Amino acid sequence: MKIFLKENTPIFMRNITKVKLSSRFKKSFRKLPSNLQKKAVKKTNIFRSNPFHPSLETHSLSGRLKKCWAFSVDKKYRIKFIFLRDKKVLFLDIGTHDIYK
């Protein structure tokens, strides 16, 4: 199944082939408690197979972050990312809603 995201960029719903990690994401991830790191890894595995799985609550952001997306790790924590070409994504940050500031 094909869906269209912002600017009519086609993205296939399944099988993200590569997740790149920004230095900010790596730093924020290391600061998380281990139980939250484990949750993030589990959600990332779901994301890789289906970035729009209902449990992720994937959504586009707006305003100055309009090119960014986010999905839920749990009720409090999110992973902010952007879609790249060829089924690749870049994780920008992980944290509470403060990552949107």
N, C-alpha and C. Protein backbone atom coordinates (compact mmCIF):
# COMPACT_ATOMS: atom_id res chain seq x y z
N MET A 1 0.84 -1.18 0.00
CA MET A 1 0.00 0.00 0.00
C MET A 1 0.88 1.24 0.00
N LYS A 2 0.56 2.22 -0.80
CA LYS A 2 1.32 3.45 -0.89
C LYS A 2 0.50 4.58 -0.28
N ILE A 3 1.15 5.44 0.47
CA ILE A 3 0.48 6.63 0.99
C ILE A 3 1.29 7.84 0.55
N PHE A 4 0.71 9.01 0.62
CA PHE A 4 1.42 10.22 0.26
C PHE A 4 1.55 11.12 1.47
N LEU A 5 2.76 11.58 1.68
CA LEU A 5 3.03 12.45 2.80
C LEU A 5 3.14 13.87 2.27
N LYS A 6 3.68 14.75 3.05
CA LYS A 6 3.81 16.14 2.66
C LYS A 6 4.52 16.26 1.32
N GLU A 7 4.10 17.21 0.52
CA GLU A 7 4.69 17.50 -0.77
C GLU A 7 4.61 16.30 -1.72
N ASN A 8 3.60 15.45 -1.54
CA ASN A 8 3.36 14.29 -2.41
C ASN A 8 4.54 13.34 -2.51
N THR A 9 5.32 13.23 -1.46
CA THR A 9 6.43 12.29 -1.43
C THR A 9 5.88 10.90 -1.14
N PRO A 10 6.05 9.95 -2.07
CA PRO A 10 5.51 8.61 -1.79
C PRO A 10 6.36 7.87 -0.76
N ILE A 11 5.70 7.32 0.21
CA ILE A 11 6.35 6.51 1.23
C ILE A 11 5.57 5.21 1.33
N PHE A 12 6.26 4.09 1.33
CA PHE A 12 5.58 2.82 1.47
C PHE A 12 5.40 2.53 2.95
N MET A 13 4.26 1.99 3.30
CA MET A 13 3.91 1.84 4.71
C MET A 13 4.76 0.83 5.45
N ARG A 14 5.40 -0.06 4.77
CA ARG A 14 6.11 -1.12 5.48
C ARG A 14 7.60 -1.11 5.17
N ASN A 15 8.35 -1.69 6.10
CA ASN A 15 9.75 -2.00 5.90
C ASN A 15 10.67 -0.80 5.69
N ILE A 16 10.87 -0.07 6.75
CA ILE A 16 11.91 0.96 6.74
C ILE A 16 13.23 0.21 6.67
N THR A 17 14.06 0.53 5.68
CA THR A 17 15.29 -0.24 5.48
C THR A 17 16.45 0.25 6.34
N LYS A 18 16.44 1.53 6.71
CA LYS A 18 17.54 2.04 7.52
C LYS A 18 17.06 3.16 8.42
N VAL A 19 17.47 3.10 9.68
CA VAL A 19 17.20 4.17 10.64
C VAL A 19 18.55 4.77 11.01
N LYS A 20 18.74 6.03 10.64
CA LYS A 20 19.95 6.75 11.01
C LYS A 20 19.68 7.52 12.31
N LEU A 21 20.71 7.70 13.11
CA LEU A 21 20.56 8.35 14.41
C LEU A 21 21.39 9.63 14.44
N SER A 22 20.75 10.74 14.77
CA SER A 22 21.48 12.00 14.93
C SER A 22 22.26 11.96 16.24
N SER A 23 23.25 12.83 16.35
CA SER A 23 24.03 12.89 17.59
C SER A 23 23.15 13.31 18.76
N ARG A 24 22.18 14.19 18.51
CA ARG A 24 21.26 14.61 19.57
C ARG A 24 20.43 13.41 20.05
N PHE A 25 19.94 12.61 19.10
CA PHE A 25 19.16 11.43 19.47
C PHE A 25 20.01 10.49 20.34
N LYS A 26 21.23 10.22 19.91
CA LYS A 26 22.11 9.31 20.67
C LYS A 26 22.33 9.82 22.10
N LYS A 27 22.58 11.11 22.22
CA LYS A 27 22.82 11.70 23.54
C LYS A 27 21.58 11.60 24.42
N SER A 28 20.42 11.94 23.86
CA SER A 28 19.16 11.87 24.62
C SER A 28 18.83 10.43 25.01
N PHE A 29 19.07 9.50 24.09
CA PHE A 29 18.79 8.09 24.36
C PHE A 29 19.64 7.58 25.52
N ARG A 30 20.92 7.93 25.52
CA ARG A 30 21.82 7.47 26.60
C ARG A 30 21.38 7.97 27.97
N LYS A 31 20.72 9.11 28.02
CA LYS A 31 20.27 9.70 29.29
C LYS A 31 18.99 9.06 29.84
N LEU A 32 18.30 8.29 29.01
CA LEU A 32 17.04 7.66 29.45
C LEU A 32 17.30 6.51 30.41
N PRO A 33 16.38 6.26 31.33
CA PRO A 33 16.49 5.06 32.18
C PRO A 33 16.43 3.80 31.30
N SER A 34 17.04 2.73 31.76
CA SER A 34 17.13 1.52 30.94
C SER A 34 15.76 0.96 30.55
N ASN A 35 14.76 1.06 31.44
CA ASN A 35 13.44 0.53 31.08
C ASN A 35 12.83 1.31 29.92
N LEU A 36 13.09 2.61 29.86
CA LEU A 36 12.58 3.43 28.77
C LEU A 36 13.38 3.17 27.48
N GLN A 37 14.66 2.91 27.62
CA GLN A 37 15.47 2.54 26.45
C GLN A 37 14.92 1.25 25.83
N LYS A 38 14.56 0.29 26.67
CA LYS A 38 14.01 -0.98 26.17
C LYS A 38 12.68 -0.75 25.44
N LYS A 39 11.82 0.11 26.01
CA LYS A 39 10.55 0.44 25.35
C LYS A 39 10.81 1.09 23.99
N ALA A 40 11.79 1.99 23.95
CA ALA A 40 12.11 2.68 22.70
C ALA A 40 12.59 1.70 21.64
N VAL A 41 13.39 0.74 22.03
CA VAL A 41 13.87 -0.27 21.09
C VAL A 41 12.71 -1.10 20.56
N LYS A 42 11.79 -1.50 21.43
CA LYS A 42 10.62 -2.27 21.00
C LYS A 42 9.77 -1.47 20.01
N LYS A 43 9.53 -0.20 20.33
CA LYS A 43 8.72 0.64 19.43
C LYS A 43 9.44 0.88 18.10
N THR A 44 10.76 1.01 18.16
CA THR A 44 11.53 1.19 16.92
C THR A 44 11.41 -0.04 16.03
N ASN A 45 11.40 -1.22 16.62
CA ASN A 45 11.23 -2.44 15.83
C ASN A 45 9.86 -2.48 15.15
N ILE A 46 8.84 -2.05 15.85
CA ILE A 46 7.50 -1.94 15.24
C ILE A 46 7.54 -0.92 14.12
N PHE A 47 8.16 0.22 14.39
CA PHE A 47 8.27 1.30 13.41
C PHE A 47 8.96 0.83 12.13
N ARG A 48 10.00 0.04 12.27
CA ARG A 48 10.73 -0.45 11.09
C ARG A 48 9.83 -1.28 10.17
N SER A 49 8.94 -2.07 10.74
CA SER A 49 8.08 -2.90 9.91
C SER A 49 6.83 -2.16 9.44
N ASN A 50 6.37 -1.18 10.22
CA ASN A 50 5.19 -0.40 9.82
C ASN A 50 5.20 0.94 10.56
N PRO A 51 5.73 1.99 9.91
CA PRO A 51 5.84 3.28 10.60
C PRO A 51 4.52 3.91 11.00
N PHE A 52 3.41 3.37 10.48
CA PHE A 52 2.10 3.92 10.84
C PHE A 52 1.26 2.91 11.61
N HIS A 53 1.92 2.00 12.32
CA HIS A 53 1.20 1.05 13.17
C HIS A 53 0.41 1.86 14.21
N PRO A 54 -0.83 1.48 14.47
CA PRO A 54 -1.66 2.26 15.41
C PRO A 54 -1.04 2.46 16.79
N SER A 55 -0.27 1.49 17.26
CA SER A 55 0.31 1.63 18.61
C SER A 55 1.36 2.74 18.68
N LEU A 56 1.86 3.19 17.54
CA LEU A 56 2.89 4.23 17.52
C LEU A 56 2.32 5.64 17.55
N GLU A 57 1.07 5.77 17.14
CA GLU A 57 0.43 7.09 17.05
C GLU A 57 1.30 8.07 16.26
N THR A 58 1.83 7.62 15.13
CA THR A 58 2.69 8.45 14.29
C THR A 58 1.91 9.64 13.77
N HIS A 59 2.53 10.82 13.85
CA HIS A 59 1.85 12.03 13.40
C HIS A 59 2.86 13.04 12.88
N SER A 60 2.40 13.86 11.96
CA SER A 60 3.26 14.92 11.45
C SER A 60 3.21 16.10 12.42
N LEU A 61 4.27 16.85 12.43
CA LEU A 61 4.35 18.03 13.28
C LEU A 61 4.02 19.26 12.45
N SER A 62 3.89 20.39 13.09
CA SER A 62 3.49 21.60 12.37
C SER A 62 4.41 22.76 12.71
N GLY A 63 4.14 23.90 12.10
CA GLY A 63 4.93 25.09 12.36
C GLY A 63 6.35 24.93 11.86
N ARG A 64 7.31 25.35 12.66
CA ARG A 64 8.70 25.27 12.23
C ARG A 64 9.20 23.83 12.12
N LEU A 65 8.45 22.89 12.66
CA LEU A 65 8.80 21.47 12.59
C LEU A 65 7.98 20.73 11.53
N LYS A 66 7.43 21.46 10.56
CA LYS A 66 6.48 20.86 9.61
C LYS A 66 7.09 19.74 8.75
N LYS A 67 8.39 19.64 8.65
CA LYS A 67 9.01 18.55 7.90
C LYS A 67 9.27 17.33 8.79
N CYS A 68 8.98 17.46 10.06
CA CYS A 68 9.24 16.39 11.03
C CYS A 68 7.98 15.60 11.35
N TRP A 69 8.23 14.41 11.84
CA TRP A 69 7.19 13.50 12.32
C TRP A 69 7.58 13.03 13.71
N ALA A 70 6.65 12.40 14.40
CA ALA A 70 6.95 11.82 15.71
C ALA A 70 6.09 10.59 15.93
N PHE A 71 6.60 9.68 16.74
CA PHE A 71 5.77 8.55 17.19
C PHE A 71 5.99 8.34 18.68
N SER A 72 5.03 7.68 19.30
CA SER A 72 5.02 7.51 20.76
C SER A 72 5.82 6.29 21.20
N VAL A 73 6.65 6.50 22.20
CA VAL A 73 7.31 5.40 22.89
C VAL A 73 6.39 4.93 24.01
N ASP A 74 5.83 5.89 24.74
CA ASP A 74 4.79 5.64 25.74
C ASP A 74 3.96 6.92 25.83
N LYS A 75 3.16 7.04 26.86
CA LYS A 75 2.28 8.22 26.95
C LYS A 75 3.06 9.54 27.09
N LYS A 76 4.28 9.47 27.59
CA LYS A 76 5.05 10.68 27.86
C LYS A 76 6.17 10.94 26.84
N TYR A 77 6.78 9.88 26.32
CA TYR A 77 7.97 10.02 25.48
C TYR A 77 7.68 9.80 23.99
N ARG A 78 8.39 10.56 23.17
CA ARG A 78 8.23 10.52 21.72
C ARG A 78 9.60 10.41 21.05
N ILE A 79 9.59 9.90 19.83
CA ILE A 79 10.77 9.95 18.96
C ILE A 79 10.41 10.87 17.80
N LYS A 80 11.23 11.90 17.62
CA LYS A 80 11.04 12.85 16.52
C LYS A 80 11.96 12.41 15.38
N PHE A 81 11.42 12.43 14.14
CA PHE A 81 12.20 11.93 13.01
C PHE A 81 11.79 12.62 11.72
N ILE A 82 12.57 12.38 10.68
CA ILE A 82 12.20 12.82 9.33
C ILE A 82 12.36 11.63 8.39
N PHE A 83 11.50 11.60 7.38
CA PHE A 83 11.62 10.60 6.33
C PHE A 83 12.70 11.06 5.35
N LEU A 84 13.57 10.14 4.98
CA LEU A 84 14.57 10.40 3.96
C LEU A 84 14.16 9.62 2.70
N ARG A 85 15.01 9.51 1.75
CA ARG A 85 14.71 8.76 0.53
C ARG A 85 14.90 7.27 0.75
N ASP A 86 14.33 6.50 -0.15
CA ASP A 86 14.56 5.05 -0.21
C ASP A 86 14.27 4.32 1.09
N LYS A 87 13.12 4.62 1.68
CA LYS A 87 12.67 3.95 2.90
C LYS A 87 13.63 4.10 4.08
N LYS A 88 14.30 5.24 4.13
CA LYS A 88 15.22 5.53 5.24
C LYS A 88 14.65 6.67 6.06
N VAL A 89 14.98 6.67 7.35
CA VAL A 89 14.56 7.75 8.24
C VAL A 89 15.73 8.20 9.09
N LEU A 90 15.63 9.40 9.60
CA LEU A 90 16.62 9.93 10.52
C LEU A 90 15.92 10.27 11.82
N PHE A 91 16.31 9.60 12.91
CA PHE A 91 15.79 9.92 14.23
C PHE A 91 16.53 11.16 14.73
N LEU A 92 15.77 12.20 15.03
CA LEU A 92 16.34 13.47 15.45
C LEU A 92 16.51 13.59 16.95
N ASP A 93 15.51 13.10 17.70
CA ASP A 93 15.56 13.25 19.16
C ASP A 93 14.56 12.30 19.79
N ILE A 94 14.74 12.07 21.08
CA ILE A 94 13.80 11.28 21.87
C ILE A 94 13.63 12.00 23.20
N GLY A 95 12.39 12.07 23.66
CA GLY A 95 12.14 12.72 24.94
C GLY A 95 10.67 13.06 25.11
N THR A 96 10.40 13.90 26.08
CA THR A 96 9.03 14.36 26.33
C THR A 96 8.65 15.39 25.27
N HIS A 97 7.52 16.01 25.43
CA HIS A 97 7.09 17.04 24.46
C HIS A 97 8.08 18.20 24.36
N ASP A 98 9.02 18.29 25.28
CA ASP A 98 10.04 19.33 25.21
C ASP A 98 10.90 19.22 23.95
N ILE A 99 10.95 18.03 23.32
CA ILE A 99 11.74 17.89 22.09
C ILE A 99 11.16 18.71 20.94
N TYR A 100 9.92 19.18 21.09
CA TYR A 100 9.29 19.97 20.03
C TYR A 100 9.65 21.45 20.15
N LYS A 101 10.30 21.83 21.22
CA LYS A 101 10.62 23.25 21.43
C LYS A 101 11.86 23.64 20.65
